[in-house]
């Protein structure tokens, strides 16, 4: 269990990192109660707008949202590169945060096309052959091969916890980390949503002009097909997750030529058979 942290002068800094202090009654098994204060991860609606068009509302941790804007736009295939984004700004309201992103005019048709699909999906889930095809659009084939060896995965896993300050405080968020071929962690992002954390990481890398350089992404979550797709679209040659993959994640990884490592622990992991 994460340490209980009292309210102090660092509360404002804690909020900037994506947490706030909440009040609880601690009830031990042997009886009696104790008033405690501890950090909880902030989860609030983030309404994403592209070129003034409402696109999606995500439940997210309101930190590193500009990174999220870039990664989300890439994952949604609205842009090809970070240069397709003219500006990205956040606007806090009483009920949530509005994330306004302006893309170059050449990308406007992509926004409209995706919005049309989202409208049809929202009414009754994924309906009809057209939407099934859209849900399983072909993935880009990854041509770069991972250079990381077995020891690199364990090196990254050993250093992972130290790069999760928000989770250390709250015990309630996921992490996505960019690791070099030697296992050294270059960047890390956290969020209450595993998809959001990966989008933030990919966006941060795009903004910094970073490539994978034969390295890999390490995620603190199970491996769903959406995470595989985000990795493939980002050109990541190897995806490592601490929990298990789904059947569709395995199939989509094979389709994209993505090396998928799962159930990564400090003493073992599962790798695909050749």
C-alpha atoms as a PDB file:
ATOM      1  CA  UNK A   1       0.000   0.000   0.000  1.00  0.00           C
ATOM      2  CA  UNK A   2       1.399   3.454  -0.866  1.00  0.00           C
ATOM      3  CA  UNK A   3       2.462   5.590   2.079  1.00  0.00           C
ATOM      4  CA  UNK A   4      -0.158   7.824   3.665  1.00  0.00           C
ATOM      5  CA  UNK A   5       0.832  11.435   3.019  1.00  0.00           C
ATOM      6  CA  UNK A   6      -0.534  14.289   5.165  1.00  0.00           C
ATOM      7  CA  UNK A   7      -1.590  17.631   3.772  1.00  0.00           C
ATOM      8  CA  UNK A   8       1.433  19.937   3.702  1.00  0.00           C
ATOM      9  CA  UNK A   9       3.015  22.732   1.707  1.00  0.00           C
ATOM     10  CA  UNK A  10       3.713  20.294  -1.124  1.00  0.00           C
ATOM     11  CA  UNK A  11       0.004  19.781  -1.899  1.00  0.00           C
ATOM     12  CA  UNK A  12       0.081  22.275  -4.741  1.00  0.00           C
ATOM     13  CA  UNK A  13       3.044  20.534  -6.351  1.00  0.00           C
ATOM     14  CA  UNK A  14       1.289  17.207  -5.858  1.00  0.00           C
ATOM     15  CA  UNK A  15      -1.743  18.506  -7.755  1.00  0.00           C
ATOM     16  CA  UNK A  16       0.457  19.672 -10.609  1.00  0.00           C
ATOM     17  CA  UNK A  17       1.732  16.101 -10.895  1.00  0.00           C
ATOM     18  CA  UNK A  18      -1.822  14.757 -11.122  1.00  0.00           C
ATOM     19  CA  UNK A  19      -2.895  14.042  -7.544  1.00  0.00           C
ATOM     20  CA  UNK A  20      -4.822  15.670  -4.721  1.00  0.00           C
ATOM     21  CA  UNK A  21      -5.288  14.947  -1.039  1.00  0.00           C
ATOM     22  CA  UNK A  22      -8.435  13.134   0.100  1.00  0.00           C
ATOM     23  CA  UNK A  23      -9.731  12.301   3.575  1.00  0.00           C
ATOM     24  CA  UNK A  24     -10.491   8.755   4.730  1.00  0.00           C
ATOM     25  CA  UNK A  25     -11.262   6.747   7.827  1.00  0.00           C
ATOM     26  CA  UNK A  26      -8.816   3.895   8.237  1.00  0.00           C
ATOM     27  CA  UNK A  27     -10.658   0.856   9.602  1.00  0.00           C
ATOM     28  CA  UNK A  28      -8.368  -1.928  10.863  1.00  0.00           C
ATOM     29  CA  UNK A  29      -9.598  -5.521  11.164  1.00  0.00           C
ATOM     30  CA  UNK A  30      -9.243  -5.484  14.949  1.00  0.00           C
ATOM     31  CA  UNK A  31     -11.638  -2.544  15.322  1.00  0.00           C
ATOM     32  CA  UNK A  32     -11.335   1.197  15.830  1.00  0.00           C
ATOM     33  CA  UNK A  33     -10.994   3.962  13.257  1.00  0.00           C
ATOM     34  CA  UNK A  34      -8.327   6.526  12.446  1.00  0.00           C
ATOM     35  CA  UNK A  35      -8.684   9.671  10.336  1.00  0.00           C
ATOM     36  CA  UNK A  36      -6.084   9.743   7.570  1.00  0.00           C
ATOM     37  CA  UNK A  37      -5.234  11.952   4.619  1.00  0.00           C
ATOM     38  CA  UNK A  38      -3.540  10.604   1.535  1.00  0.00           C
ATOM     39  CA  UNK A  39      -3.060  11.444  -2.142  1.00  0.00           C
ATOM     40  CA  UNK A  40      -5.417  10.110  -4.776  1.00  0.00           C
ATOM     41  CA  UNK A  41      -4.894  10.268  -8.514  1.00  0.00           C
ATOM     42  CA  UNK A  42      -6.919  12.968 -10.235  1.00  0.00           C
ATOM     43  CA  UNK A  43      -9.320  11.666 -12.861  1.00  0.00           C
ATOM     44  CA  UNK A  44     -11.323  14.230 -14.795  1.00  0.00           C
ATOM     45  CA  UNK A  45     -12.955  14.607 -18.186  1.00  0.00           C
ATOM     46  CA  UNK A  46     -10.701  15.926 -20.944  1.00  0.00           C
ATOM     47  CA  UNK A  47     -12.653  17.059 -24.000  1.00  0.00           C
ATOM     48  CA  UNK A  48     -10.448  16.907 -27.097  1.00  0.00           C
ATOM     49  CA  UNK A  49     -11.174  19.314 -29.953  1.00  0.00           C
ATOM     50  CA  UNK A  50      -9.414  19.288 -33.302  1.00  0.00           C
ATOM     51  CA  UNK A  51      -9.751  22.463 -35.378  1.00  0.00           C
ATOM     52  CA  UNK A  52     -12.739  23.480 -33.278  1.00  0.00           C
ATOM     53  CA  UNK A  53     -14.550  20.161 -33.811  1.00  0.00           C
ATOM     54  CA  UNK A  54     -15.448  18.126 -30.734  1.00  0.00           C
ATOM     55  CA  UNK A  55     -13.740  14.774 -31.194  1.00  0.00           C
ATOM     56  CA  UNK A  56     -13.673  12.771 -27.955  1.00  0.00           C
ATOM     57  CA  UNK A  57     -13.982  13.009 -24.188  1.00  0.00           C
ATOM     58  CA  UNK A  58     -11.377  11.028 -22.285  1.00  0.00           C
ATOM     59  CA  UNK A  59     -11.154  10.351 -18.556  1.00  0.00           C
ATOM     60  CA  UNK A  60      -7.543  11.218 -17.821  1.00  0.00           C
ATOM     61  CA  UNK A  61      -5.022  12.559 -15.375  1.00  0.00           C
ATOM     62  CA  UNK A  62      -4.666  16.278 -16.196  1.00  0.00           C
ATOM     63  CA  UNK A  63      -0.869  16.310 -16.452  1.00  0.00           C
ATOM     64  CA  UNK A  64       1.278  16.290 -19.606  1.00  0.00           C
ATOM     65  CA  UNK A  65      -1.853  16.939 -21.675  1.00  0.00           C
ATOM     66  CA  UNK A  66       0.056  18.603 -24.507  1.00  0.00           C
ATOM     67  CA  UNK A  67       2.065  15.390 -24.873  1.00  0.00           C
ATOM     68  CA  UNK A  68      -1.260  13.547 -24.868  1.00  0.00           C
ATOM     69  CA  UNK A  69      -2.579  15.776 -27.663  1.00  0.00           C
ATOM     70  CA  UNK A  70       0.304  14.809 -29.940  1.00  0.00           C
ATOM     71  CA  UNK A  71       0.212  11.111 -29.101  1.00  0.00           C
ATOM     72  CA  UNK A  72      -3.564  10.866 -29.398  1.00  0.00           C
ATOM     73  CA  UNK A  73      -3.550  12.629 -32.781  1.00  0.00           C
ATOM     74  CA  UNK A  74      -0.897  10.204 -34.028  1.00  0.00           C
ATOM     75  CA  UNK A  75      -2.735   7.155 -32.663  1.00  0.00           C
ATOM     76  CA  UNK A  76      -5.964   8.298 -34.304  1.00  0.00           C
ATOM     77  CA  UNK A  77      -4.041   8.699 -37.585  1.00  0.00           C
ATOM     78  CA  UNK A  78      -5.120  12.321 -37.840  1.00  0.00           C
ATOM     79  CA  UNK A  79      -1.525  13.440 -38.357  1.00  0.00           C
ATOM     80  CA  UNK A  80       1.616  11.989 -39.873  1.00  0.00           C
ATOM     81  CA  UNK A  81       4.160  13.930 -37.818  1.00  0.00           C
ATOM     82  CA  UNK A  82       4.331  16.445 -34.996  1.00  0.00           C
ATOM     83  CA  UNK A  83       4.713  19.224 -37.566  1.00  0.00           C
ATOM     84  CA  UNK A  84       1.048  18.645 -38.530  1.00  0.00           C
ATOM     85  CA  UNK A  85       0.039  20.258 -35.234  1.00  0.00           C
ATOM     86  CA  UNK A  86       0.012  24.053 -35.293  1.00  0.00           C
ATOM     87  CA  UNK A  87      -0.862  24.519 -31.631  1.00  0.00           C
ATOM     88  CA  UNK A  88      -2.265  22.710 -28.598  1.00  0.00           C
ATOM     89  CA  UNK A  89      -3.700  24.424 -25.525  1.00  0.00           C
ATOM     90  CA  UNK A  90      -5.567  23.386 -22.387  1.00  0.00           C
ATOM     91  CA  UNK A  91      -8.481  25.296 -20.890  1.00  0.00           C
ATOM     92  CA  UNK A  92      -9.640  24.284 -17.413  1.00  0.00           C
ATOM     93  CA  UNK A  93     -13.320  24.566 -16.557  1.00  0.00           C
ATOM     94  CA  UNK A  94     -15.309  23.678 -13.470  1.00  0.00           C
ATOM     95  CA  UNK A  95     -16.381  20.349 -14.948  1.00  0.00           C
ATOM     96  CA  UNK A  96     -13.204  19.332 -16.759  1.00  0.00           C
ATOM     97  CA  UNK A  97     -10.467  20.336 -19.164  1.00  0.00           C
ATOM     98  CA  UNK A  98     -10.822  21.274 -22.812  1.00  0.00           C
ATOM     99  CA  UNK A  99      -7.832  20.330 -24.955  1.00  0.00           C
ATOM    100  CA  UNK A 100      -7.876  22.408 -28.138  1.00  0.00           C
ATOM    101  CA  UNK A 101      -5.622  21.233 -30.937  1.00  0.00           C
ATOM    102  CA  UNK A 102      -5.206  22.969 -34.274  1.00  0.00           C
ATOM    103  CA  UNK A 103      -3.970  20.879 -37.186  1.00  0.00           C
ATOM    104  CA  UNK A 104      -2.698  22.059 -40.534  1.00  0.00           C
ATOM    105  CA  UNK A 105      -5.549  22.559 -43.060  1.00  0.00           C
ATOM    106  CA  UNK A 106      -4.470  19.499 -45.058  1.00  0.00           C
ATOM    107  CA  UNK A 107      -5.572  17.265 -42.157  1.00  0.00           C
ATOM    108  CA  UNK A 108      -9.093  18.677 -41.815  1.00  0.00           C
ATOM    109  CA  UNK A 109     -10.681  15.981 -44.006  1.00  0.00           C
ATOM    110  CA  UNK A 110      -9.217  13.284 -41.774  1.00  0.00           C
ATOM    111  CA  UNK A 111     -10.878  14.906 -38.762  1.00  0.00           C
ATOM    112  CA  UNK A 112     -14.255  15.020 -40.500  1.00  0.00           C
ATOM    113  CA  UNK A 113     -13.956  11.419 -41.672  1.00  0.00           C
ATOM    114  CA  UNK A 114     -13.118  10.126 -38.199  1.00  0.00           C
ATOM    115  CA  UNK A 115     -15.871  12.189 -36.598  1.00  0.00           C
ATOM    116  CA  UNK A 116     -18.377  10.642 -38.992  1.00  0.00           C
ATOM    117  CA  UNK A 117     -17.265   7.177 -37.925  1.00  0.00           C
ATOM    118  CA  UNK A 118     -17.362   8.110 -34.256  1.00  0.00           C
ATOM    119  CA  UNK A 119     -20.941   9.359 -34.558  1.00  0.00           C
ATOM    120  CA  UNK A 120     -22.089   6.066 -36.047  1.00  0.00           C
ATOM    121  CA  UNK A 121     -20.148   4.057 -33.472  1.00  0.00           C
ATOM    122  CA  UNK A 122     -21.556   5.982 -30.511  1.00  0.00           C
ATOM    123  CA  UNK A 123     -25.181   5.027 -31.129  1.00  0.00           C
ATOM    124  CA  UNK A 124     -24.907   1.260 -30.853  1.00  0.00           C
ATOM    125  CA  UNK A 125     -21.278   0.297 -30.569  1.00  0.00           C
ATOM    126  CA  UNK A 126     -19.506  -0.987 -33.653  1.00  0.00           C
ATOM    127  CA  UNK A 127     -22.282  -1.544 -36.177  1.00  0.00           C
ATOM    128  CA  UNK A 128     -22.016  -3.092 -39.603  1.00  0.00           C
ATOM    129  CA  UNK A 129     -19.249  -4.250 -41.894  1.00  0.00           C
ATOM    130  CA  UNK A 130     -17.962  -0.736 -42.598  1.00  0.00           C
ATOM    131  CA  UNK A 131     -17.325  -0.041 -38.941  1.00  0.00           C
ATOM    132  CA  UNK A 132     -15.807  -3.473 -38.368  1.00  0.00           C
ATOM    133  CA  UNK A 133     -13.367  -2.737 -41.160  1.00  0.00           C
ATOM    134  CA  UNK A 134     -12.618   0.652 -39.604  1.00  0.00           C
ATOM    135  CA  UNK A 135     -12.019  -0.955 -36.214  1.00  0.00           C
ATOM    136  CA  UNK A 136      -9.477  -3.359 -37.679  1.00  0.00           C
ATOM    137  CA  UNK A 137      -7.801  -1.120 -40.191  1.00  0.00           C
ATOM    138  CA  UNK A 138      -4.513  -2.482 -41.574  1.00  0.00           C
ATOM    139  CA  UNK A 139      -1.558  -1.554 -39.406  1.00  0.00           C
ATOM    140  CA  UNK A 140       1.729  -0.201 -40.734  1.00  0.00           C
ATOM    141  CA  UNK A 141       4.351  -2.928 -40.940  1.00  0.00           C
ATOM    142  CA  UNK A 142       7.275  -2.238 -38.639  1.00  0.00           C
ATOM    143  CA  UNK A 143      10.494  -2.533 -40.595  1.00  0.00           C
ATOM    144  CA  UNK A 144      12.894  -1.651 -37.757  1.00  0.00           C
ATOM    145  CA  UNK A 145      13.913  -4.616 -35.645  1.00  0.00           C
ATOM    146  CA  UNK A 146      14.430  -4.468 -31.878  1.00  0.00           C
ATOM    147  CA  UNK A 147      18.032  -4.465 -30.764  1.00  0.00           C
ATOM    148  CA  UNK A 148      17.250  -5.059 -27.090  1.00  0.00           C
ATOM    149  CA  UNK A 149      18.310  -8.405 -25.658  1.00  0.00           C
ATOM    150  CA  UNK A 150      16.948 -10.311 -22.662  1.00  0.00           C
ATOM    151  CA  UNK A 151      18.984  -8.442 -20.053  1.00  0.00           C
ATOM    152  CA  UNK A 152      17.693  -5.094 -21.324  1.00  0.00           C
ATOM    153  CA  UNK A 153      14.113  -6.036 -20.418  1.00  0.00           C
ATOM    154  CA  UNK A 154      15.118  -6.939 -16.866  1.00  0.00           C
ATOM    155  CA  UNK A 155      17.207  -3.764 -16.552  1.00  0.00           C
ATOM    156  CA  UNK A 156      14.170  -1.657 -17.454  1.00  0.00           C
ATOM    157  CA  UNK A 157      11.870  -3.595 -15.133  1.00  0.00           C
ATOM    158  CA  UNK A 158      14.249  -3.073 -12.222  1.00  0.00           C
ATOM    159  CA  UNK A 159      14.235   0.693 -12.788  1.00  0.00           C
ATOM    160  CA  UNK A 160      10.531   1.005 -13.584  1.00  0.00           C
ATOM    161  CA  UNK A 161       9.201   1.726 -10.099  1.00  0.00           C
ATOM    162  CA  UNK A 162      11.590   4.639  -9.564  1.00  0.00           C
ATOM    163  CA  UNK A 163      10.125   6.312 -12.668  1.00  0.00           C
ATOM    164  CA  UNK A 164       6.543   6.155 -11.340  1.00  0.00           C
ATOM    165  CA  UNK A 165       6.321   8.941  -8.743  1.00  0.00           C
ATOM    166  CA  UNK A 166       2.569   9.479  -9.170  1.00  0.00           C
ATOM    167  CA  UNK A 167       1.853   5.783  -8.719  1.00  0.00           C
ATOM    168  CA  UNK A 168       4.166   5.657  -5.706  1.00  0.00           C
ATOM    169  CA  UNK A 169       2.041   8.379  -4.103  1.00  0.00           C
ATOM    170  CA  UNK A 170      -1.392   7.128  -5.143  1.00  0.00           C
ATOM    171  CA  UNK A 171      -1.155   3.482  -6.202  1.00  0.00           C
ATOM    172  CA  UNK A 172      -3.722   4.188  -8.913  1.00  0.00           C
ATOM    173  CA  UNK A 173      -2.045   5.041 -12.216  1.00  0.00           C
ATOM    174  CA  UNK A 174      -0.369   3.308 -15.129  1.00  0.00           C
ATOM    175  CA  UNK A 175       3.022   4.087 -16.610  1.00  0.00           C
ATOM    176  CA  UNK A 176       4.450   3.990 -20.119  1.00  0.00           C
ATOM    177  CA  UNK A 177       8.212   4.133 -20.529  1.00  0.00           C
ATOM    178  CA  UNK A 178      10.531   4.513 -23.511  1.00  0.00           C
ATOM    179  CA  UNK A 179      13.557   2.268 -23.064  1.00  0.00           C
ATOM    180  CA  UNK A 180      16.782   2.131 -25.016  1.00  0.00           C
ATOM    181  CA  UNK A 181      18.248  -1.019 -26.512  1.00  0.00           C
ATOM    182  CA  UNK A 182      20.309  -1.352 -23.318  1.00  0.00           C
ATOM    183  CA  UNK A 183      17.235  -1.107 -21.074  1.00  0.00           C
ATOM    184  CA  UNK A 184      17.916   2.403 -19.852  1.00  0.00           C
ATOM    185  CA  UNK A 185      14.709   4.398 -19.444  1.00  0.00           C
ATOM    186  CA  UNK A 186      14.681   7.643 -21.404  1.00  0.00           C
ATOM    187  CA  UNK A 187      11.157   8.956 -20.861  1.00  0.00           C
ATOM    188  CA  UNK A 188       8.191   8.034 -18.676  1.00  0.00           C
ATOM    189  CA  UNK A 189       4.600   9.222 -18.500  1.00  0.00           C
ATOM    190  CA  UNK A 190       1.773   8.314 -16.094  1.00  0.00           C
ATOM    191  CA  UNK A 191      -2.023   8.425 -16.242  1.00  0.00           C
ATOM    192  CA  UNK A 192      -5.070   6.746 -14.724  1.00  0.00           C
ATOM    193  CA  UNK A 193      -5.669   5.236 -18.171  1.00  0.00           C
ATOM    194  CA  UNK A 194      -3.146   2.867 -19.713  1.00  0.00           C
ATOM    195  CA  UNK A 195      -4.012   4.139 -23.199  1.00  0.00           C
ATOM    196  CA  UNK A 196      -3.576   7.744 -22.107  1.00  0.00           C
ATOM    197  CA  UNK A 197      -0.184   7.023 -20.545  1.00  0.00           C
ATOM    198  CA  UNK A 198       1.045   5.486 -23.799  1.00  0.00           C
ATOM    199  CA  UNK A 199      -0.341   8.382 -25.849  1.00  0.00           C
ATOM    200  CA  UNK A 200       1.465  10.824 -23.545  1.00  0.00           C
ATOM    201  CA  UNK A 201       4.729   8.933 -23.985  1.00  0.00           C
ATOM    202  CA  UNK A 202       4.411   8.735 -27.774  1.00  0.00           C
ATOM    203  CA  UNK A 203       3.484  12.417 -27.906  1.00  0.00           C
ATOM    204  CA  UNK A 204       6.423  13.428 -25.731  1.00  0.00           C
ATOM    205  CA  UNK A 205       8.769  11.484 -27.987  1.00  0.00           C
ATOM    206  CA  UNK A 206       7.297  13.073 -31.106  1.00  0.00           C
ATOM    207  CA  UNK A 207       7.641  16.576 -29.663  1.00  0.00           C
ATOM    208  CA  UNK A 208      11.271  15.872 -28.710  1.00  0.00           C
ATOM    209  CA  UNK A 209      12.101  14.310 -32.073  1.00  0.00           C
ATOM    210  CA  UNK A 210      13.000  11.011 -30.404  1.00  0.00           C
ATOM    211  CA  UNK A 211      13.018   7.673 -32.198  1.00  0.00           C
ATOM    212  CA  UNK A 212      13.024   4.169 -30.747  1.00  0.00           C
ATOM    213  CA  UNK A 213      16.579   3.422 -31.937  1.00  0.00           C
ATOM    214  CA  UNK A 214      16.087  -0.314 -31.539  1.00  0.00           C
ATOM    215  CA  UNK A 215      14.627   0.112 -28.055  1.00  0.00           C
ATOM    216  CA  UNK A 216      11.189  -0.717 -26.718  1.00  0.00           C
ATOM    217  CA  UNK A 217       8.146   0.515 -24.829  1.00  0.00           C
ATOM    218  CA  UNK A 218       7.443  -0.820 -21.353  1.00  0.00           C
ATOM    219  CA  UNK A 219       3.875  -0.580 -20.033  1.00  0.00           C
ATOM    220  CA  UNK A 220       2.595  -1.300 -16.529  1.00  0.00           C
ATOM    221  CA  UNK A 221      -0.660  -2.796 -17.794  1.00  0.00           C
ATOM    222  CA  UNK A 222      -2.180  -5.743 -19.585  1.00  0.00           C
ATOM    223  CA  UNK A 223      -1.697  -5.732 -23.330  1.00  0.00           C
ATOM    224  CA  UNK A 224      -4.891  -4.957 -25.208  1.00  0.00           C
ATOM    225  CA  UNK A 225      -5.070  -4.657 -28.976  1.00  0.00           C
ATOM    226  CA  UNK A 226      -5.302  -0.848 -28.773  1.00  0.00           C
ATOM    227  CA  UNK A 227      -1.873  -0.666 -27.164  1.00  0.00           C
ATOM    228  CA  UNK A 228      -0.432  -2.871 -29.898  1.00  0.00           C
ATOM    229  CA  UNK A 229      -1.944  -0.580 -32.515  1.00  0.00           C
ATOM    230  CA  UNK A 230      -0.510   2.525 -30.844  1.00  0.00           C
ATOM    231  CA  UNK A 231       2.925   0.891 -30.780  1.00  0.00           C
ATOM    232  CA  UNK A 232       2.707  -0.089 -34.439  1.00  0.00           C
ATOM    233  CA  UNK A 233       1.570   3.354 -35.560  1.00  0.00           C
ATOM    234  CA  UNK A 234       4.413   4.897 -33.541  1.00  0.00           C
ATOM    235  CA  UNK A 235       6.943   2.576 -35.218  1.00  0.00           C
ATOM    236  CA  UNK A 236       7.894   0.921 -31.926  1.00  0.00           C
ATOM    237  CA  UNK A 237       9.726  -2.352 -32.700  1.00  0.00           C
ATOM    238  CA  UNK A 238       9.045  -4.076 -29.358  1.00  0.00           C
ATOM    239  CA  UNK A 239       6.290  -3.746 -26.753  1.00  0.00           C
ATOM    240  CA  UNK A 240       6.750  -5.089 -23.222  1.00  0.00           C
ATOM    241  CA  UNK A 241       3.845  -5.297 -20.763  1.00  0.00           C
ATOM    242  CA  UNK A 242       3.802  -6.484 -17.162  1.00  0.00           C
ATOM    243  CA  UNK A 243       0.509  -8.321 -17.600  1.00  0.00           C
ATOM    244  CA  UNK A 244      -0.960 -10.682 -20.165  1.00  0.00           C
ATOM    245  CA  UNK A 245      -1.998  -9.977 -23.762  1.00  0.00           C
ATOM    246  CA  UNK A 246      -5.386 -10.591 -25.310  1.00  0.00           C
ATOM    247  CA  UNK A 247      -5.855 -12.825 -28.337  1.00  0.00           C
ATOM    248  CA  UNK A 248      -6.445  -9.849 -30.603  1.00  0.00           C
ATOM    249  CA  UNK A 249      -3.327  -8.115 -29.273  1.00  0.00           C
ATOM    250  CA  UNK A 250      -1.259 -11.159 -30.263  1.00  0.00           C
ATOM    251  CA  UNK A 251      -2.851 -11.316 -33.695  1.00  0.00           C
ATOM    252  CA  UNK A 252      -2.445  -7.600 -34.388  1.00  0.00           C
ATOM    253  CA  UNK A 253       1.186  -7.669 -33.230  1.00  0.00           C
ATOM    254  CA  UNK A 254       1.917 -10.489 -35.665  1.00  0.00           C
ATOM    255  CA  UNK A 255       0.198  -8.557 -38.444  1.00  0.00           C
ATOM    256  CA  UNK A 256       2.363  -5.501 -37.814  1.00  0.00           C
ATOM    257  CA  UNK A 257       5.621  -7.369 -37.215  1.00  0.00           C
ATOM    258  CA  UNK A 258       5.742  -6.082 -33.635  1.00  0.00           C
ATOM    259  CA  UNK A 259       7.728  -8.097 -31.107  1.00  0.00           C
ATOM    260  CA  UNK A 260       5.417  -8.598 -28.128  1.00  0.00           C
ATOM    261  CA  UNK A 261       6.751  -9.422 -24.656  1.00  0.00           C
ATOM    262  CA  UNK A 262       4.213 -10.020 -21.903  1.00  0.00           C
ATOM    263  CA  UNK A 263       3.887 -11.038 -18.249  1.00  0.00           C
ATOM    264  CA  UNK A 264       7.231  -9.357 -17.675  1.00  0.00           C
ATOM    265  CA  UNK A 265       8.438  -9.985 -14.124  1.00  0.00           C
ATOM    266  CA  UNK A 266      11.776  -9.567 -12.419  1.00  0.00           C
ATOM    267  CA  UNK A 267      12.563 -13.248 -13.005  1.00  0.00           C
ATOM    268  CA  UNK A 268      10.880 -14.102 -16.307  1.00  0.00           C
ATOM    269  CA  UNK A 269       8.734 -12.996 -19.238  1.00  0.00           C
ATOM    270  CA  UNK A 270       6.785 -14.549 -22.075  1.00  0.00           C
ATOM    271  CA  UNK A 271       8.157 -14.132 -25.602  1.00  0.00           C
ATOM    272  CA  UNK A 272       6.563 -15.220 -28.886  1.00  0.00           C
ATOM    273  CA  UNK A 273       7.775 -18.525 -30.301  1.00  0.00           C
ATOM    274  CA  UNK A 274       9.476 -18.263 -33.703  1.00  0.00           C
END
